[in-house]
Amino acid sequence: VFGAANAAHSLFYISTIALRFALPFFLIQALQLPATTSGLLLGLVEGVRGVISPFSGRLSDKVGSWVLVTLGMVIVTAGTIPMLLWTSDVSILGLLPLLIVVGVGMGLVVAPIQSTIMGAAPKSQLGTASAMVATTRQVGSSLGLAIAGTAFIQAKLVAESALTAQGMAAQTVAVESTMAGFQAVLWVAVGFVVLGVLVLVFRGRPPKTD
């Protein structure tokens, strides 16, 4: 359980950091929203997460942290996959529901998964377990940025080349290539959070007690 929870923790941060990396490019370059509006939309995700997290910590004491972590990752997946359908014409009202869903999912994961990691360690090694929480979070965040950055740039460059060869206007090329990069990162985010769910389901179930 300890190993699975740490692995899922890293996978969760790879996914969510990748998504948070790509969203500003989508909002500012593809949708051409003002920086202030984009910042408020991004802040909405973190705001919802901040509201949900205290309640998820208390709720995990009643229903079990493993259940909430798995549910939270499923909700993040459910909020991220429909983003693949976003176009450069999507309205702000069209963005809000999925951003809120992702924020709720993240809020359900953060506190309970830390509780899972700490609860799976022997009391004599709680210090080490606490260090692992920070380590897996940092490793996941670093990998998420590296993978998302690579996917975004590669997809954007390929799209730019293809669209330019078709004789499209520079503005259209900029918008559509950004969309291609954003969608590539979305696939990365979805892939890693689904992998995290699978790790929890097949490797992370707490042992049954009589």
N, C-alpha and C. Protein backbone atom coordinates (compact mmCIF):
# COMPACT_ATOMS: atom_id res chain seq x y z
N VAL A 1 0.84 -1.20 0.00
CA VAL A 1 0.00 0.00 0.00
C VAL A 1 0.88 1.26 0.00
N PHE A 2 1.93 1.24 0.79
CA PHE A 2 2.83 2.39 0.86
C PHE A 2 3.45 2.68 -0.51
N GLY A 3 3.94 1.64 -1.17
CA GLY A 3 4.56 1.82 -2.48
C GLY A 3 3.56 2.29 -3.52
N ALA A 4 2.37 1.69 -3.51
CA ALA A 4 1.34 2.07 -4.48
C ALA A 4 0.88 3.50 -4.27
N ALA A 5 0.72 3.90 -3.01
CA ALA A 5 0.28 5.27 -2.72
C ALA A 5 1.32 6.28 -3.17
N ASN A 6 2.60 5.99 -2.95
CA ASN A 6 3.65 6.90 -3.40
C ASN A 6 3.71 6.98 -4.92
N ALA A 7 3.55 5.84 -5.58
CA ALA A 7 3.55 5.83 -7.05
C ALA A 7 2.36 6.64 -7.57
N ALA A 8 1.18 6.42 -6.98
CA ALA A 8 -0.01 7.16 -7.41
C ALA A 8 0.14 8.65 -7.14
N HIS A 9 0.81 9.00 -6.04
CA HIS A 9 1.04 10.40 -5.70
C HIS A 9 1.86 11.08 -6.79
N SER A 10 2.93 10.43 -7.23
CA SER A 10 3.77 10.99 -8.30
C SER A 10 2.99 11.09 -9.61
N LEU A 11 2.26 10.04 -9.94
CA LEU A 11 1.49 10.03 -11.19
C LEU A 11 0.43 11.13 -11.20
N PHE A 12 -0.18 11.34 -10.04
CA PHE A 12 -1.19 12.39 -9.91
C PHE A 12 -0.57 13.76 -10.19
N TYR A 13 0.61 14.01 -9.64
CA TYR A 13 1.23 15.32 -9.85
C TYR A 13 1.77 15.47 -11.26
N ILE A 14 2.24 14.40 -11.88
CA ILE A 14 2.63 14.48 -13.29
C ILE A 14 1.45 14.96 -14.12
N SER A 15 0.28 14.36 -13.87
CA SER A 15 -0.92 14.69 -14.62
C SER A 15 -1.39 16.12 -14.37
N THR A 16 -1.54 16.49 -13.10
CA THR A 16 -2.12 17.80 -12.79
C THR A 16 -1.16 18.95 -13.11
N ILE A 17 0.14 18.74 -12.93
CA ILE A 17 1.10 19.78 -13.29
C ILE A 17 1.12 19.96 -14.80
N ALA A 18 1.02 18.86 -15.55
CA ALA A 18 0.97 18.95 -17.01
C ALA A 18 -0.24 19.79 -17.44
N LEU A 19 -1.37 19.53 -16.83
CA LEU A 19 -2.58 20.27 -17.18
C LEU A 19 -2.43 21.75 -16.84
N ARG A 20 -1.91 22.05 -15.66
CA ARG A 20 -1.75 23.44 -15.25
C ARG A 20 -0.69 24.16 -16.10
N PHE A 21 0.27 23.39 -16.61
CA PHE A 21 1.27 23.98 -17.51
C PHE A 21 0.63 24.42 -18.83
N ALA A 22 -0.25 23.60 -19.38
CA ALA A 22 -0.80 23.84 -20.71
C ALA A 22 -1.95 24.83 -20.72
N LEU A 23 -2.71 24.92 -19.64
CA LEU A 23 -3.89 25.77 -19.63
C LEU A 23 -3.60 27.25 -19.94
N PRO A 24 -2.54 27.86 -19.39
CA PRO A 24 -2.29 29.26 -19.73
C PRO A 24 -2.05 29.49 -21.22
N PHE A 25 -1.35 28.57 -21.88
CA PHE A 25 -1.12 28.70 -23.32
C PHE A 25 -2.45 28.65 -24.07
N PHE A 26 -3.31 27.72 -23.64
CA PHE A 26 -4.61 27.59 -24.29
C PHE A 26 -5.45 28.85 -24.10
N LEU A 27 -5.51 29.34 -22.87
CA LEU A 27 -6.36 30.48 -22.56
C LEU A 27 -5.87 31.76 -23.22
N ILE A 28 -4.57 32.00 -23.18
CA ILE A 28 -4.02 33.26 -23.66
C ILE A 28 -3.74 33.24 -25.16
N GLN A 29 -3.12 32.17 -25.65
CA GLN A 29 -2.71 32.14 -27.05
C GLN A 29 -3.80 31.61 -27.99
N ALA A 30 -4.53 30.58 -27.55
CA ALA A 30 -5.56 30.01 -28.42
C ALA A 30 -6.87 30.78 -28.32
N LEU A 31 -7.33 31.02 -27.07
CA LEU A 31 -8.58 31.76 -26.89
C LEU A 31 -8.37 33.27 -26.92
N GLN A 32 -7.10 33.70 -26.76
CA GLN A 32 -6.74 35.12 -26.78
C GLN A 32 -7.49 35.90 -25.68
N LEU A 33 -7.58 35.28 -24.52
CA LEU A 33 -8.18 35.95 -23.38
C LEU A 33 -7.15 36.86 -22.71
N PRO A 34 -7.59 37.93 -22.07
CA PRO A 34 -6.65 38.77 -21.32
C PRO A 34 -5.98 37.97 -20.20
N ALA A 35 -4.79 38.39 -19.84
CA ALA A 35 -4.03 37.67 -18.81
C ALA A 35 -4.78 37.65 -17.48
N THR A 36 -5.49 38.74 -17.17
CA THR A 36 -6.24 38.79 -15.91
C THR A 36 -7.36 37.76 -15.90
N THR A 37 -8.09 37.67 -16.99
CA THR A 37 -9.18 36.69 -17.08
C THR A 37 -8.63 35.27 -17.01
N SER A 38 -7.53 35.04 -17.70
CA SER A 38 -6.91 33.72 -17.67
C SER A 38 -6.45 33.36 -16.26
N GLY A 39 -5.88 34.34 -15.57
CA GLY A 39 -5.44 34.09 -14.20
C GLY A 39 -6.58 33.75 -13.27
N LEU A 40 -7.71 34.43 -13.45
CA LEU A 40 -8.88 34.14 -12.62
C LEU A 40 -9.41 32.73 -12.90
N LEU A 41 -9.40 32.32 -14.15
CA LEU A 41 -9.88 30.97 -14.49
C LEU A 41 -8.96 29.91 -13.90
N LEU A 42 -7.65 30.15 -13.98
CA LEU A 42 -6.70 29.21 -13.38
C LEU A 42 -6.84 29.21 -11.86
N GLY A 43 -7.07 30.39 -11.30
CA GLY A 43 -7.26 30.48 -9.86
C GLY A 43 -8.50 29.76 -9.38
N LEU A 44 -9.49 29.64 -10.27
CA LEU A 44 -10.71 28.93 -9.92
C LEU A 44 -10.42 27.47 -9.57
N VAL A 45 -9.54 26.85 -10.34
CA VAL A 45 -9.18 25.45 -10.08
C VAL A 45 -8.57 25.33 -8.70
N GLU A 46 -7.61 26.20 -8.40
CA GLU A 46 -6.93 26.14 -7.11
C GLU A 46 -7.88 26.54 -5.97
N GLY A 47 -8.78 27.47 -6.26
CA GLY A 47 -9.73 27.88 -5.23
C GLY A 47 -10.67 26.75 -4.85
N VAL A 48 -11.19 26.05 -5.84
CA VAL A 48 -12.07 24.90 -5.57
C VAL A 48 -11.29 23.82 -4.83
N ARG A 49 -10.08 23.58 -5.25
CA ARG A 49 -9.24 22.59 -4.56
C ARG A 49 -9.06 22.99 -3.09
N GLY A 50 -8.80 24.28 -2.84
CA GLY A 50 -8.59 24.74 -1.48
C GLY A 50 -9.82 24.60 -0.60
N VAL A 51 -11.00 24.76 -1.20
CA VAL A 51 -12.24 24.62 -0.45
C VAL A 51 -12.52 23.16 -0.13
N ILE A 52 -12.28 22.28 -1.09
CA ILE A 52 -12.60 20.86 -0.94
C ILE A 52 -11.61 20.13 -0.03
N SER A 53 -10.35 20.51 -0.08
CA SER A 53 -9.31 19.75 0.64
C SER A 53 -9.58 19.57 2.14
N PRO A 54 -9.97 20.61 2.89
CA PRO A 54 -10.23 20.39 4.32
C PRO A 54 -11.35 19.39 4.58
N PHE A 55 -12.39 19.45 3.75
CA PHE A 55 -13.50 18.52 3.92
C PHE A 55 -13.11 17.10 3.55
N SER A 56 -12.25 16.95 2.52
CA SER A 56 -11.83 15.61 2.11
C SER A 56 -10.96 14.97 3.19
N GLY A 57 -10.16 15.80 3.88
CA GLY A 57 -9.36 15.25 4.98
C GLY A 57 -10.22 14.70 6.09
N ARG A 58 -11.29 15.42 6.44
CA ARG A 58 -12.20 14.94 7.48
C ARG A 58 -12.99 13.73 7.01
N LEU A 59 -13.43 13.79 5.75
CA LEU A 59 -14.24 12.70 5.21
C LEU A 59 -13.44 11.40 5.09
N SER A 60 -12.14 11.53 4.86
CA SER A 60 -11.31 10.33 4.72
C SER A 60 -11.25 9.54 6.02
N ASP A 61 -11.43 10.23 7.15
CA ASP A 61 -11.44 9.52 8.44
C ASP A 61 -12.68 8.64 8.58
N LYS A 62 -13.73 8.95 7.81
CA LYS A 62 -14.98 8.20 7.91
C LYS A 62 -15.10 7.11 6.85
N VAL A 63 -14.76 7.47 5.60
CA VAL A 63 -14.96 6.51 4.50
C VAL A 63 -13.67 5.83 4.07
N GLY A 64 -12.54 6.31 4.55
CA GLY A 64 -11.26 5.74 4.15
C GLY A 64 -10.57 6.58 3.10
N SER A 65 -9.30 6.84 3.30
CA SER A 65 -8.56 7.71 2.38
C SER A 65 -8.39 7.07 1.02
N TRP A 66 -8.25 5.72 0.98
CA TRP A 66 -8.06 5.03 -0.29
C TRP A 66 -9.25 5.28 -1.22
N VAL A 67 -10.45 5.25 -0.67
CA VAL A 67 -11.66 5.46 -1.47
C VAL A 67 -11.68 6.87 -2.05
N LEU A 68 -11.37 7.87 -1.23
CA LEU A 68 -11.41 9.25 -1.70
C LEU A 68 -10.32 9.53 -2.73
N VAL A 69 -9.14 8.98 -2.54
CA VAL A 69 -8.06 9.19 -3.51
C VAL A 69 -8.45 8.63 -4.87
N THR A 70 -8.96 7.41 -4.87
CA THR A 70 -9.37 6.79 -6.13
C THR A 70 -10.50 7.59 -6.78
N LEU A 71 -11.49 7.98 -5.98
CA LEU A 71 -12.60 8.77 -6.50
C LEU A 71 -12.11 10.10 -7.06
N GLY A 72 -11.21 10.76 -6.34
CA GLY A 72 -10.68 12.04 -6.79
C GLY A 72 -9.96 11.93 -8.12
N MET A 73 -9.15 10.88 -8.29
CA MET A 73 -8.44 10.71 -9.55
C MET A 73 -9.40 10.41 -10.70
N VAL A 74 -10.45 9.65 -10.40
CA VAL A 74 -11.47 9.38 -11.43
C VAL A 74 -12.16 10.68 -11.83
N ILE A 75 -12.43 11.55 -10.86
CA ILE A 75 -13.08 12.83 -11.16
C ILE A 75 -12.16 13.73 -11.99
N VAL A 76 -10.86 13.75 -11.65
CA VAL A 76 -9.91 14.51 -12.46
C VAL A 76 -9.90 14.00 -13.89
N THR A 77 -9.93 12.68 -14.05
CA THR A 77 -9.98 12.09 -15.39
C THR A 77 -11.25 12.52 -16.12
N ALA A 78 -12.37 12.46 -15.40
CA ALA A 78 -13.66 12.83 -16.00
C ALA A 78 -13.71 14.31 -16.39
N GLY A 79 -12.96 15.14 -15.70
CA GLY A 79 -12.91 16.56 -16.04
C GLY A 79 -11.93 16.88 -17.14
N THR A 80 -10.89 16.05 -17.29
CA THR A 80 -9.84 16.34 -18.27
C THR A 80 -10.20 15.82 -19.66
N ILE A 81 -10.77 14.63 -19.74
CA ILE A 81 -11.06 14.04 -21.06
C ILE A 81 -11.95 14.94 -21.93
N PRO A 82 -13.04 15.52 -21.39
CA PRO A 82 -13.88 16.38 -22.25
C PRO A 82 -13.16 17.64 -22.73
N MET A 83 -12.06 18.02 -22.08
CA MET A 83 -11.31 19.18 -22.56
C MET A 83 -10.74 18.95 -23.95
N LEU A 84 -10.61 17.69 -24.34
CA LEU A 84 -10.12 17.38 -25.69
C LEU A 84 -11.08 17.89 -26.76
N LEU A 85 -12.32 18.14 -26.36
CA LEU A 85 -13.33 18.63 -27.30
C LEU A 85 -13.35 20.15 -27.39
N TRP A 86 -12.58 20.82 -26.52
CA TRP A 86 -12.52 22.27 -26.57
C TRP A 86 -11.93 22.74 -27.90
N THR A 87 -12.45 23.82 -28.43
CA THR A 87 -11.91 24.44 -29.63
C THR A 87 -11.54 25.88 -29.32
N SER A 88 -10.99 26.55 -30.30
CA SER A 88 -10.60 27.95 -30.09
C SER A 88 -11.82 28.87 -30.01
N ASP A 89 -13.01 28.31 -30.19
CA ASP A 89 -14.24 29.10 -30.10
C ASP A 89 -15.00 28.87 -28.80
N VAL A 90 -14.47 28.04 -27.90
CA VAL A 90 -15.18 27.74 -26.66
C VAL A 90 -15.33 29.01 -25.82
N SER A 91 -16.49 29.14 -25.19
CA SER A 91 -16.75 30.32 -24.36
C SER A 91 -16.26 30.10 -22.94
N ILE A 92 -16.18 31.19 -22.19
CA ILE A 92 -15.77 31.10 -20.79
C ILE A 92 -16.75 30.23 -20.01
N LEU A 93 -18.03 30.36 -20.29
CA LEU A 93 -19.03 29.53 -19.62
C LEU A 93 -18.84 28.06 -19.96
N GLY A 94 -18.30 27.79 -21.13
CA GLY A 94 -18.01 26.40 -21.50
C GLY A 94 -16.80 25.85 -20.77
N LEU A 95 -15.93 26.74 -20.31
CA LEU A 95 -14.71 26.31 -19.60
C LEU A 95 -15.00 26.00 -18.13
N LEU A 96 -15.88 26.78 -17.53
CA LEU A 96 -16.05 26.74 -16.08
C LEU A 96 -16.40 25.36 -15.51
N PRO A 97 -17.37 24.63 -16.09
CA PRO A 97 -17.75 23.35 -15.46
C PRO A 97 -16.59 22.37 -15.34
N LEU A 98 -15.79 22.23 -16.39
CA LEU A 98 -14.70 21.26 -16.35
C LEU A 98 -13.57 21.73 -15.43
N LEU A 99 -13.32 23.02 -15.38
CA LEU A 99 -12.30 23.52 -14.46
C LEU A 99 -12.72 23.26 -13.01
N ILE A 100 -14.00 23.43 -12.73
CA ILE A 100 -14.51 23.16 -11.38
C ILE A 100 -14.41 21.67 -11.06
N VAL A 101 -14.76 20.83 -12.02
CA VAL A 101 -14.69 19.37 -11.81
C VAL A 101 -13.26 18.95 -11.50
N VAL A 102 -12.30 19.46 -12.26
CA VAL A 102 -10.89 19.12 -12.01
C VAL A 102 -10.47 19.61 -10.63
N GLY A 103 -10.90 20.82 -10.25
CA GLY A 103 -10.56 21.34 -8.92
C GLY A 103 -11.13 20.47 -7.81
N VAL A 104 -12.36 20.00 -7.99
CA VAL A 104 -12.97 19.10 -6.99
C VAL A 104 -12.17 17.80 -6.88
N GLY A 105 -11.83 17.23 -8.02
CA GLY A 105 -11.05 15.99 -8.01
C GLY A 105 -9.72 16.15 -7.32
N MET A 106 -9.03 17.25 -7.62
CA MET A 106 -7.74 17.50 -6.97
C MET A 106 -7.91 17.66 -5.47
N GLY A 107 -8.96 18.35 -5.06
CA GLY A 107 -9.20 18.55 -3.63
C GLY A 107 -9.47 17.26 -2.90
N LEU A 108 -10.08 16.29 -3.58
CA LEU A 108 -10.36 15.00 -2.96
C LEU A 108 -9.11 14.13 -2.83
N VAL A 109 -8.08 14.44 -3.60
CA VAL A 109 -6.89 13.59 -3.63
C VAL A 109 -5.83 14.03 -2.63
N VAL A 110 -5.53 15.32 -2.59
CA VAL A 110 -4.30 15.80 -1.95
C VAL A 110 -4.16 15.37 -0.49
N ALA A 111 -5.12 15.72 0.36
CA ALA A 111 -5.00 15.36 1.77
C ALA A 111 -5.13 13.85 2.02
N PRO A 112 -6.11 13.16 1.42
CA PRO A 112 -6.24 11.73 1.67
C PRO A 112 -5.05 10.89 1.21
N ILE A 113 -4.42 11.27 0.10
CA ILE A 113 -3.31 10.44 -0.36
C ILE A 113 -2.10 10.60 0.56
N GLN A 114 -1.94 11.78 1.13
CA GLN A 114 -0.88 11.96 2.12
C GLN A 114 -1.18 11.14 3.37
N SER A 115 -2.46 11.09 3.74
CA SER A 115 -2.88 10.27 4.87
C SER A 115 -2.64 8.80 4.59
N THR A 116 -2.89 8.37 3.35
CA THR A 116 -2.67 6.98 2.97
C THR A 116 -1.20 6.60 3.11
N ILE A 117 -0.33 7.48 2.61
CA ILE A 117 1.11 7.22 2.68
C ILE A 117 1.57 7.14 4.14
N MET A 118 1.15 8.11 4.95
CA MET A 118 1.56 8.12 6.35
C MET A 118 0.98 6.94 7.11
N GLY A 119 -0.28 6.59 6.81
CA GLY A 119 -0.93 5.50 7.53
C GLY A 119 -0.38 4.13 7.18
N ALA A 120 0.26 4.01 6.01
CA ALA A 120 0.78 2.71 5.59
C ALA A 120 2.18 2.45 6.13
N ALA A 121 2.78 3.45 6.76
CA ALA A 121 4.15 3.30 7.27
C ALA A 121 4.14 2.94 8.75
N PRO A 122 5.12 2.16 9.19
CA PRO A 122 5.26 1.86 10.62
C PRO A 122 5.50 3.15 11.41
N LYS A 123 5.04 3.18 12.64
CA LYS A 123 5.20 4.38 13.46
C LYS A 123 6.67 4.78 13.60
N SER A 124 7.55 3.79 13.59
CA SER A 124 8.96 4.09 13.76
C SER A 124 9.57 4.76 12.53
N GLN A 125 8.82 4.78 11.41
CA GLN A 125 9.36 5.35 10.17
C GLN A 125 8.46 6.47 9.62
N LEU A 126 7.71 7.13 10.51
CA LEU A 126 6.83 8.21 10.06
C LEU A 126 7.61 9.40 9.48
N GLY A 127 8.80 9.63 10.01
CA GLY A 127 9.63 10.70 9.47
C GLY A 127 10.01 10.43 8.03
N THR A 128 10.39 9.20 7.75
CA THR A 128 10.73 8.81 6.39
C THR A 128 9.51 8.90 5.48
N ALA A 129 8.36 8.47 5.99
CA ALA A 129 7.13 8.53 5.20
C ALA A 129 6.78 9.97 4.86
N SER A 130 6.95 10.87 5.83
CA SER A 130 6.67 12.28 5.58
C SER A 130 7.59 12.84 4.49
N ALA A 131 8.85 12.43 4.55
CA ALA A 131 9.81 12.87 3.52
C ALA A 131 9.42 12.33 2.15
N MET A 132 8.88 11.12 2.10
CA MET A 132 8.47 10.53 0.84
C MET A 132 7.30 11.29 0.22
N VAL A 133 6.42 11.81 1.06
CA VAL A 133 5.30 12.62 0.55
C VAL A 133 5.84 13.81 -0.25
N ALA A 134 6.81 14.52 0.35
CA ALA A 134 7.39 15.68 -0.33
C ALA A 134 8.20 15.26 -1.56
N THR A 135 8.91 14.15 -1.43
CA THR A 135 9.76 13.70 -2.54
C THR A 135 8.93 13.30 -3.76
N THR A 136 7.90 12.48 -3.53
CA THR A 136 7.09 12.03 -4.66
C THR A 136 6.32 13.19 -5.30
N ARG A 137 5.92 14.16 -4.48
CA ARG A 137 5.26 15.34 -5.02
C ARG A 137 6.22 16.13 -5.92
N GLN A 138 7.45 16.31 -5.45
CA GLN A 138 8.42 17.08 -6.22
C GLN A 138 8.85 16.34 -7.48
N VAL A 139 9.05 15.04 -7.35
CA VAL A 139 9.43 14.24 -8.53
C VAL A 139 8.31 14.28 -9.57
N GLY A 140 7.08 14.10 -9.12
CA GLY A 140 5.95 14.14 -10.04
C GLY A 140 5.82 15.49 -10.72
N SER A 141 5.98 16.56 -9.95
CA SER A 141 5.87 17.90 -10.52
C SER A 141 6.96 18.17 -11.55
N SER A 142 8.19 17.76 -11.23
CA SER A 142 9.31 17.98 -12.15
C SER A 142 9.14 17.19 -13.44
N LEU A 143 8.76 15.92 -13.29
CA LEU A 143 8.53 15.09 -14.47
C LEU A 143 7.36 15.61 -15.30
N GLY A 144 6.32 16.06 -14.60
CA GLY A 144 5.15 16.59 -15.30
C GLY A 144 5.50 17.78 -16.17
N LEU A 145 6.29 18.70 -15.63
CA LEU A 145 6.70 19.88 -16.41
C LEU A 145 7.56 19.48 -17.60
N ALA A 146 8.50 18.55 -17.37
CA ALA A 146 9.38 18.13 -18.45
C ALA A 146 8.62 17.43 -19.58
N ILE A 147 7.74 16.50 -19.19
CA ILE A 147 6.99 15.75 -20.19
C ILE A 147 5.99 16.65 -20.91
N ALA A 148 5.28 17.48 -20.16
CA ALA A 148 4.29 18.37 -20.76
C ALA A 148 4.96 19.38 -21.69
N GLY A 149 6.08 19.94 -21.27
CA GLY A 149 6.79 20.90 -22.11
C GLY A 149 7.24 20.29 -23.42
N THR A 150 7.78 19.07 -23.33
CA THR A 150 8.23 18.39 -24.54
C THR A 150 7.06 18.08 -25.46
N ALA A 151 5.98 17.55 -24.90
CA ALA A 151 4.81 17.20 -25.72
C ALA A 151 4.21 18.44 -26.37
N PHE A 152 4.12 19.53 -25.61
CA PHE A 152 3.52 20.75 -26.14
C PHE A 152 4.34 21.32 -27.30
N ILE A 153 5.64 21.45 -27.10
CA ILE A 153 6.50 22.04 -28.12
C ILE A 153 6.54 21.18 -29.38
N GLN A 154 6.68 19.86 -29.20
CA GLN A 154 6.77 18.99 -30.37
C GLN A 154 5.49 19.03 -31.19
N ALA A 155 4.34 18.92 -30.51
CA ALA A 155 3.06 18.95 -31.23
C ALA A 155 2.84 20.30 -31.89
N LYS A 156 3.21 21.37 -31.21
CA LYS A 156 3.04 22.72 -31.76
C LYS A 156 3.90 22.91 -33.01
N LEU A 157 5.15 22.46 -32.97
CA LEU A 157 6.05 22.63 -34.11
C LEU A 157 5.57 21.83 -35.31
N VAL A 158 5.12 20.61 -35.08
CA VAL A 158 4.61 19.78 -36.17
C VAL A 158 3.39 20.44 -36.81
N ALA A 159 2.48 20.95 -35.98
CA ALA A 159 1.28 21.60 -36.50
C ALA A 159 1.63 22.88 -37.24
N GLU A 160 2.57 23.67 -36.71
CA GLU A 160 2.99 24.90 -37.38
C GLU A 160 3.53 24.61 -38.77
N SER A 161 4.36 23.58 -38.86
CA SER A 161 4.95 23.22 -40.15
C SER A 161 3.88 22.82 -41.16
N ALA A 162 2.94 21.97 -40.70
CA ALA A 162 1.90 21.48 -41.60
C ALA A 162 0.97 22.61 -42.05
N LEU A 163 0.57 23.46 -41.10
CA LEU A 163 -0.36 24.54 -41.42
C LEU A 163 0.29 25.61 -42.31
N THR A 164 1.54 25.90 -42.05
CA THR A 164 2.26 26.87 -42.88
C THR A 164 2.40 26.37 -44.31
N ALA A 165 2.67 25.07 -44.44
CA ALA A 165 2.78 24.47 -45.77
C ALA A 165 1.47 24.55 -46.54
N GLN A 166 0.36 24.60 -45.82
CA GLN A 166 -0.95 24.70 -46.45
C GLN A 166 -1.30 26.14 -46.82
N GLY A 167 -0.43 27.08 -46.48
CA GLY A 167 -0.64 28.47 -46.83
C GLY A 167 -1.59 29.22 -45.92
N MET A 168 -1.79 28.75 -44.70
CA MET A 168 -2.70 29.42 -43.78
C MET A 168 -2.07 30.70 -43.23
N ALA A 169 -2.93 31.62 -42.82
CA ALA A 169 -2.48 32.89 -42.26
C ALA A 169 -1.72 32.66 -40.96
N ALA A 170 -0.80 33.59 -40.66
CA ALA A 170 0.06 33.44 -39.48
C ALA A 170 -0.76 33.35 -38.19
N GLN A 171 -1.82 34.16 -38.09
CA GLN A 171 -2.65 34.15 -36.88
C GLN A 171 -3.35 32.81 -36.71
N THR A 172 -3.84 32.27 -37.81
CA THR A 172 -4.50 30.96 -37.76
C THR A 172 -3.51 29.87 -37.37
N VAL A 173 -2.32 29.96 -37.93
CA VAL A 173 -1.27 28.98 -37.60
C VAL A 173 -0.95 29.03 -36.11
N ALA A 174 -0.84 30.24 -35.55
CA ALA A 174 -0.49 30.39 -34.14
C ALA A 174 -1.57 29.78 -33.24
N VAL A 175 -2.83 30.05 -33.57
CA VAL A 175 -3.94 29.55 -32.75
C VAL A 175 -4.05 28.04 -32.86
N GLU A 176 -4.06 27.53 -34.08
CA GLU A 176 -4.28 26.09 -34.28
C GLU A 176 -3.10 25.26 -33.79
N SER A 177 -1.90 25.76 -33.94
CA SER A 177 -0.74 25.01 -33.44
C SER A 177 -0.72 24.98 -31.92
N THR A 178 -1.18 26.06 -31.29
CA THR A 178 -1.30 26.06 -29.83
C THR A 178 -2.34 25.05 -29.39
N MET A 179 -3.45 24.96 -30.13
CA MET A 179 -4.47 23.96 -29.83
C MET A 179 -3.89 22.55 -29.93
N ALA A 180 -3.06 22.32 -30.94
CA ALA A 180 -2.45 21.00 -31.10
C ALA A 180 -1.54 20.67 -29.93
N GLY A 181 -0.76 21.66 -29.49
CA GLY A 181 0.10 21.44 -28.33
C GLY A 181 -0.69 21.18 -27.07
N PHE A 182 -1.76 21.95 -26.89
CA PHE A 182 -2.62 21.79 -25.71
C PHE A 182 -3.24 20.39 -25.68
N GLN A 183 -3.74 19.93 -26.80
CA GLN A 183 -4.36 18.62 -26.84
C GLN A 183 -3.35 17.50 -26.60
N ALA A 184 -2.12 17.70 -27.07
CA ALA A 184 -1.08 16.70 -26.80
C ALA A 184 -0.82 16.57 -25.30
N VAL A 185 -0.79 17.72 -24.61
CA VAL A 185 -0.57 17.70 -23.16
C VAL A 185 -1.78 17.09 -22.44
N LEU A 186 -2.98 17.33 -22.95
CA LEU A 186 -4.16 16.72 -22.35
C LEU A 186 -4.06 15.20 -22.37
N TRP A 187 -3.58 14.64 -23.47
CA TRP A 187 -3.41 13.19 -23.54
C TRP A 187 -2.39 12.71 -22.52
N VAL A 188 -1.35 13.50 -22.32
CA VAL A 188 -0.36 13.16 -21.29
C VAL A 188 -1.03 13.16 -19.92
N ALA A 189 -1.80 14.21 -19.63
CA ALA A 189 -2.47 14.33 -18.34
C ALA A 189 -3.44 13.18 -18.11
N VAL A 190 -4.22 12.86 -19.12
CA VAL A 190 -5.18 11.76 -18.99
C VAL A 190 -4.46 10.44 -18.79
N GLY A 191 -3.41 10.20 -19.56
CA GLY A 191 -2.69 8.94 -19.46
C GLY A 191 -2.11 8.69 -18.08
N PHE A 192 -1.52 9.71 -17.49
CA PHE A 192 -0.87 9.51 -16.20
C PHE A 192 -1.87 9.41 -15.06
N VAL A 193 -2.97 10.16 -15.12
CA VAL A 193 -3.94 10.04 -14.03
C VAL A 193 -4.67 8.70 -14.12
N VAL A 194 -4.93 8.20 -15.32
CA VAL A 194 -5.54 6.87 -15.47
C VAL A 194 -4.59 5.81 -14.94
N LEU A 195 -3.31 5.97 -15.22
CA LEU A 195 -2.32 5.03 -14.70
C LEU A 195 -2.31 5.07 -13.17
N GLY A 196 -2.47 6.25 -12.59
CA GLY A 196 -2.55 6.36 -11.14
C GLY A 196 -3.75 5.64 -10.58
N VAL A 197 -4.89 5.75 -11.25
CA VAL A 197 -6.09 5.02 -10.82
C VAL A 197 -5.84 3.52 -10.87
N LEU A 198 -5.21 3.05 -11.93
CA LEU A 198 -4.96 1.61 -12.08
C LEU A 198 -4.01 1.11 -10.98
N VAL A 199 -3.02 1.92 -10.65
CA VAL A 199 -2.09 1.54 -9.57
C VAL A 199 -2.85 1.37 -8.27
N LEU A 200 -3.75 2.30 -7.97
CA LEU A 200 -4.51 2.23 -6.73
C LEU A 200 -5.46 1.05 -6.72
N VAL A 201 -6.13 0.82 -7.84
CA VAL A 201 -7.14 -0.24 -7.90
C VAL A 201 -6.50 -1.62 -7.79
N PHE A 202 -5.39 -1.83 -8.49
CA PHE A 202 -4.82 -3.17 -8.57
C PHE A 202 -3.68 -3.42 -7.59
N ARG A 203 -3.08 -2.36 -7.07
CA ARG A 203 -1.94 -2.55 -6.18
C ARG A 203 -2.11 -1.89 -4.80
N GLY A 204 -3.07 -0.96 -4.70
CA GLY A 204 -3.10 -0.14 -3.50
C GLY A 204 -4.19 -0.44 -2.50
N ARG A 205 -5.01 -1.46 -2.76
CA ARG A 205 -6.10 -1.72 -1.81
C ARG A 205 -5.55 -2.14 -0.46
N PRO A 206 -5.96 -1.47 0.62
CA PRO A 206 -5.50 -1.85 1.95
C PRO A 206 -5.88 -3.29 2.27
N PRO A 207 -5.04 -4.02 2.98
CA PRO A 207 -5.36 -5.39 3.33
C PRO A 207 -6.57 -5.47 4.23
N LYS A 208 -7.37 -6.52 4.05
CA LYS A 208 -8.56 -6.72 4.87
C LYS A 208 -8.16 -7.23 6.25
N THR A 209 -8.89 -6.80 7.24
CA THR A 209 -8.65 -7.27 8.60
C THR A 209 -9.90 -7.93 9.13
N ASP A 210 -9.72 -8.88 10.00
CA ASP A 210 -10.86 -9.60 10.61
C ASP A 210 -11.50 -8.74 11.69
